Amino acid sequence: MDPTIDSIKNSTLTKYIAELPIQLRNKIYIVCFRKLWREFIPITAKVPSWYYPAMKQQKALFDARQQNIHFMHLPCNTLERNKQYIVGCQCNTCKNDYSRDRHIQKHTDNIMYFNDAMPYTDMMWNDKYDYIIGETDEGYGCIGYYPVFNSLYDIIEPLQVTIRNNNASFE
């Protein structure tokens, strides 16, 4: 029940407080406001409403880089029904695509197949690596890199598995 100003003015407690000496009323006022300010959290100190969705998006981008999922196949970019196969993408749609072998063969025949199939963008999401630029011993340059999207994943990963299996059979 939310008390209105009129109901507070007309309450018995208000009348009793009005009859108290002024110093005591001031002390009650100070105690009540101290208690109020202890519980008060200003809006600038609260977590912004956009923070949790932003952290969810950052985690999705990080996971996409770790699992080699193309940026276009993230839930925020493409509806499930509109996803088309992208060479190297490891999302469930691309892994289960019936035309996957045909695309891999085209990519094996023409190494620029991925670049031709993807629209041009200034963003890093079609690049294989994101280079970290900073101060080095020789001056200013590349101090490392972080994988973004490897379009050769469908070709390289099966080769690595084949090599591991062949080496195991020789031992």
Protein backbone atom coordinates (compact mmCIF):
# COMPACT_ATOMS: atom_id res chain seq x y z
CA MET A 1 0.00 0.00 0.00
CA ASP A 2 1.50 3.28 -1.12
CA PRO A 3 0.66 6.08 1.33
CA THR A 4 -0.45 9.37 -0.17
CA ILE A 5 0.64 12.76 1.16
CA ASP A 6 -2.84 13.51 2.51
CA SER A 7 -2.99 10.22 4.42
CA ILE A 8 0.46 10.92 5.95
CA LYS A 9 -0.55 14.46 6.99
CA ASN A 10 -3.72 13.17 8.60
CA SER A 11 -2.11 10.19 10.37
CA THR A 12 -1.92 9.99 14.13
CA LEU A 13 1.86 9.47 14.03
CA THR A 14 2.33 12.79 12.22
CA LYS A 15 0.27 14.58 14.87
CA TYR A 16 2.32 13.01 17.67
CA ILE A 17 5.59 13.96 15.96
CA ALA A 18 4.35 17.55 15.54
CA GLU A 19 3.85 17.76 19.32
CA LEU A 20 7.47 16.75 20.05
CA PRO A 21 10.17 19.35 20.78
CA ILE A 22 11.89 20.74 17.67
CA GLN A 23 15.35 19.27 18.52
CA LEU A 24 13.84 15.78 18.80
CA ARG A 25 11.93 16.24 15.51
CA ASN A 26 15.18 17.28 13.82
CA LYS A 27 16.99 14.18 15.16
CA ILE A 28 14.15 11.93 13.91
CA TYR A 29 14.39 13.66 10.53
CA ILE A 30 18.17 13.11 10.38
CA VAL A 31 17.89 9.43 11.40
CA CYS A 32 15.17 8.78 8.82
CA PHE A 33 17.16 10.39 6.00
CA ARG A 34 20.35 8.56 6.96
CA LYS A 35 18.43 5.30 6.73
CA LEU A 36 16.98 6.36 3.35
CA TRP A 37 20.40 7.29 1.91
CA ARG A 38 21.95 4.01 3.09
CA GLU A 39 19.46 2.10 0.92
CA PHE A 40 19.50 4.55 -2.01
CA ILE A 41 21.53 3.65 -5.11
CA PRO A 42 21.89 6.46 -7.65
CA ILE A 43 21.15 5.66 -11.30
CA THR A 44 24.77 6.40 -12.27
CA ALA A 45 25.98 3.66 -9.92
CA LYS A 46 23.62 1.00 -11.26
CA VAL A 47 24.57 -1.48 -13.98
CA PRO A 48 23.28 -0.10 -17.31
CA SER A 49 20.38 -1.92 -18.94
CA TRP A 50 22.47 -2.69 -22.05
CA TYR A 51 25.35 -4.31 -20.11
CA TYR A 52 24.11 -7.92 -19.92
CA PRO A 53 23.04 -8.15 -23.60
CA ALA A 54 26.40 -6.62 -24.58
CA MET A 55 28.29 -9.23 -22.54
CA LYS A 56 26.18 -12.00 -24.14
CA GLN A 57 27.10 -10.64 -27.60
CA GLN A 58 30.81 -10.44 -26.70
CA LYS A 59 30.69 -14.07 -25.52
CA ALA A 60 28.98 -15.13 -28.77
CA LEU A 61 31.70 -13.39 -30.81
CA PHE A 62 34.45 -14.98 -28.72
CA ASP A 63 32.88 -18.45 -29.01
CA ALA A 64 32.49 -17.99 -32.78
CA ARG A 65 36.22 -17.31 -33.09
CA GLN A 66 37.10 -20.31 -30.91
CA GLN A 67 34.79 -22.71 -32.79
CA ASN A 68 35.52 -21.28 -36.27
CA ILE A 69 31.93 -20.16 -36.89
CA HIS A 70 31.56 -17.42 -39.49
CA PHE A 71 30.25 -14.05 -38.29
CA MET A 72 27.30 -14.26 -40.70
CA HIS A 73 26.07 -17.44 -38.99
CA LEU A 74 25.72 -15.95 -35.52
CA PRO A 75 22.14 -15.82 -34.21
CA CYS A 76 22.19 -12.00 -34.27
CA ASN A 77 22.99 -11.86 -38.00
CA THR A 78 21.09 -14.58 -39.84
CA LEU A 79 17.86 -16.47 -39.30
CA GLU A 80 18.27 -20.25 -39.31
CA ARG A 81 16.21 -20.61 -42.48
CA ASN A 82 18.36 -18.07 -44.36
CA LYS A 83 21.76 -19.61 -43.62
CA GLN A 84 23.76 -20.75 -46.62
CA TYR A 85 26.88 -22.89 -46.55
CA ILE A 86 30.16 -21.00 -45.97
CA VAL A 87 33.40 -22.86 -46.56
CA GLY A 88 35.15 -23.56 -43.26
CA CYS A 89 32.20 -22.63 -41.02
CA GLN A 90 31.64 -25.10 -38.20
CA CYS A 91 28.09 -24.17 -37.21
CA ASN A 92 25.50 -26.99 -37.17
CA THR A 93 23.87 -25.80 -40.40
CA CYS A 94 27.14 -25.87 -42.35
CA LYS A 95 28.30 -29.16 -40.82
CA ASN A 96 25.08 -30.87 -41.93
CA ASP A 97 24.79 -29.22 -45.36
CA TYR A 98 24.35 -31.75 -48.19
CA SER A 99 26.36 -29.58 -50.64
CA ARG A 100 29.35 -29.33 -48.31
CA ASP A 101 31.59 -31.72 -50.29
CA ARG A 102 30.90 -29.86 -53.52
CA HIS A 103 31.91 -26.53 -51.96
CA ILE A 104 35.03 -28.03 -50.40
CA GLN A 105 36.03 -29.41 -53.81
CA LYS A 106 35.53 -25.97 -55.40
CA HIS A 107 37.62 -24.43 -52.63
CA THR A 108 40.36 -27.03 -53.14
CA ASP A 109 40.42 -26.34 -56.87
CA ASN A 110 40.39 -22.54 -56.48
CA ILE A 111 41.98 -21.15 -53.30
CA MET A 112 40.21 -17.79 -53.89
CA TYR A 113 36.75 -19.47 -53.83
CA PHE A 114 36.00 -18.21 -50.31
CA ASN A 115 37.03 -14.63 -51.13
CA ASP A 116 34.94 -14.67 -54.32
CA ALA A 117 31.88 -16.10 -52.52
CA MET A 118 31.98 -13.61 -49.61
CA PRO A 119 30.94 -10.00 -50.15
CA TYR A 120 33.70 -7.43 -49.63
CA THR A 121 33.87 -5.85 -46.19
CA ASP A 122 36.31 -3.65 -44.32
CA MET A 123 35.61 -5.64 -41.16
CA MET A 124 37.97 -8.36 -39.93
CA TRP A 125 35.37 -11.18 -39.94
CA ASN A 126 36.46 -12.65 -43.29
CA ASP A 127 40.15 -12.55 -42.37
CA LYS A 128 42.08 -15.55 -41.13
CA TYR A 129 43.87 -13.61 -38.36
CA ASP A 130 43.43 -10.43 -36.36
CA TYR A 131 46.92 -8.99 -35.93
CA ILE A 132 47.87 -7.35 -32.66
CA ILE A 133 49.99 -4.27 -33.32
CA GLY A 134 52.27 -2.84 -30.65
CA GLU A 135 55.76 -1.95 -29.54
CA THR A 136 58.43 -4.58 -30.39
CA ASP A 137 62.22 -4.73 -29.96
CA GLU A 138 62.71 -3.46 -33.52
CA GLY A 139 60.11 -0.71 -33.17
CA TYR A 140 56.41 -0.65 -33.86
CA GLY A 141 54.89 -3.76 -35.50
CA CYS A 142 52.99 -7.00 -35.15
CA ILE A 143 53.42 -8.58 -31.71
CA GLY A 144 51.00 -11.46 -32.26
CA TYR A 145 47.79 -12.58 -33.84
CA TYR A 146 44.47 -14.09 -32.91
CA PRO A 147 42.48 -16.37 -35.23
CA VAL A 148 39.24 -14.92 -36.59
CA PHE A 149 37.91 -17.33 -39.24
CA ASN A 150 39.80 -20.04 -41.06
CA SER A 151 38.14 -20.82 -44.41
CA LEU A 152 40.59 -23.71 -44.90
CA TYR A 153 39.35 -25.52 -41.78
CA ASP A 154 37.31 -28.07 -43.79
CA ILE A 155 40.41 -28.93 -45.83
CA ILE A 156 43.15 -28.78 -43.19
CA GLU A 157 41.36 -30.53 -40.32
CA PRO A 158 40.56 -33.75 -42.26
CA LEU A 159 44.18 -33.80 -43.51
CA GLN A 160 45.48 -33.54 -39.94
CA VAL A 161 43.19 -36.39 -38.83
CA THR A 162 44.37 -38.52 -41.79
CA ILE A 163 48.03 -37.82 -40.97
CA ARG A 164 47.47 -38.71 -37.30
CA ASN A 165 45.71 -41.97 -38.28
CA ASN A 166 48.46 -42.92 -40.73
CA ASN A 167 51.19 -42.24 -38.16
CA ALA A 168 49.32 -44.36 -35.62
CA SER A 169 49.22 -47.29 -38.05
CA PHE A 170 53.02 -47.15 -38.59
CA GLU A 171 53.81 -47.45 -34.88
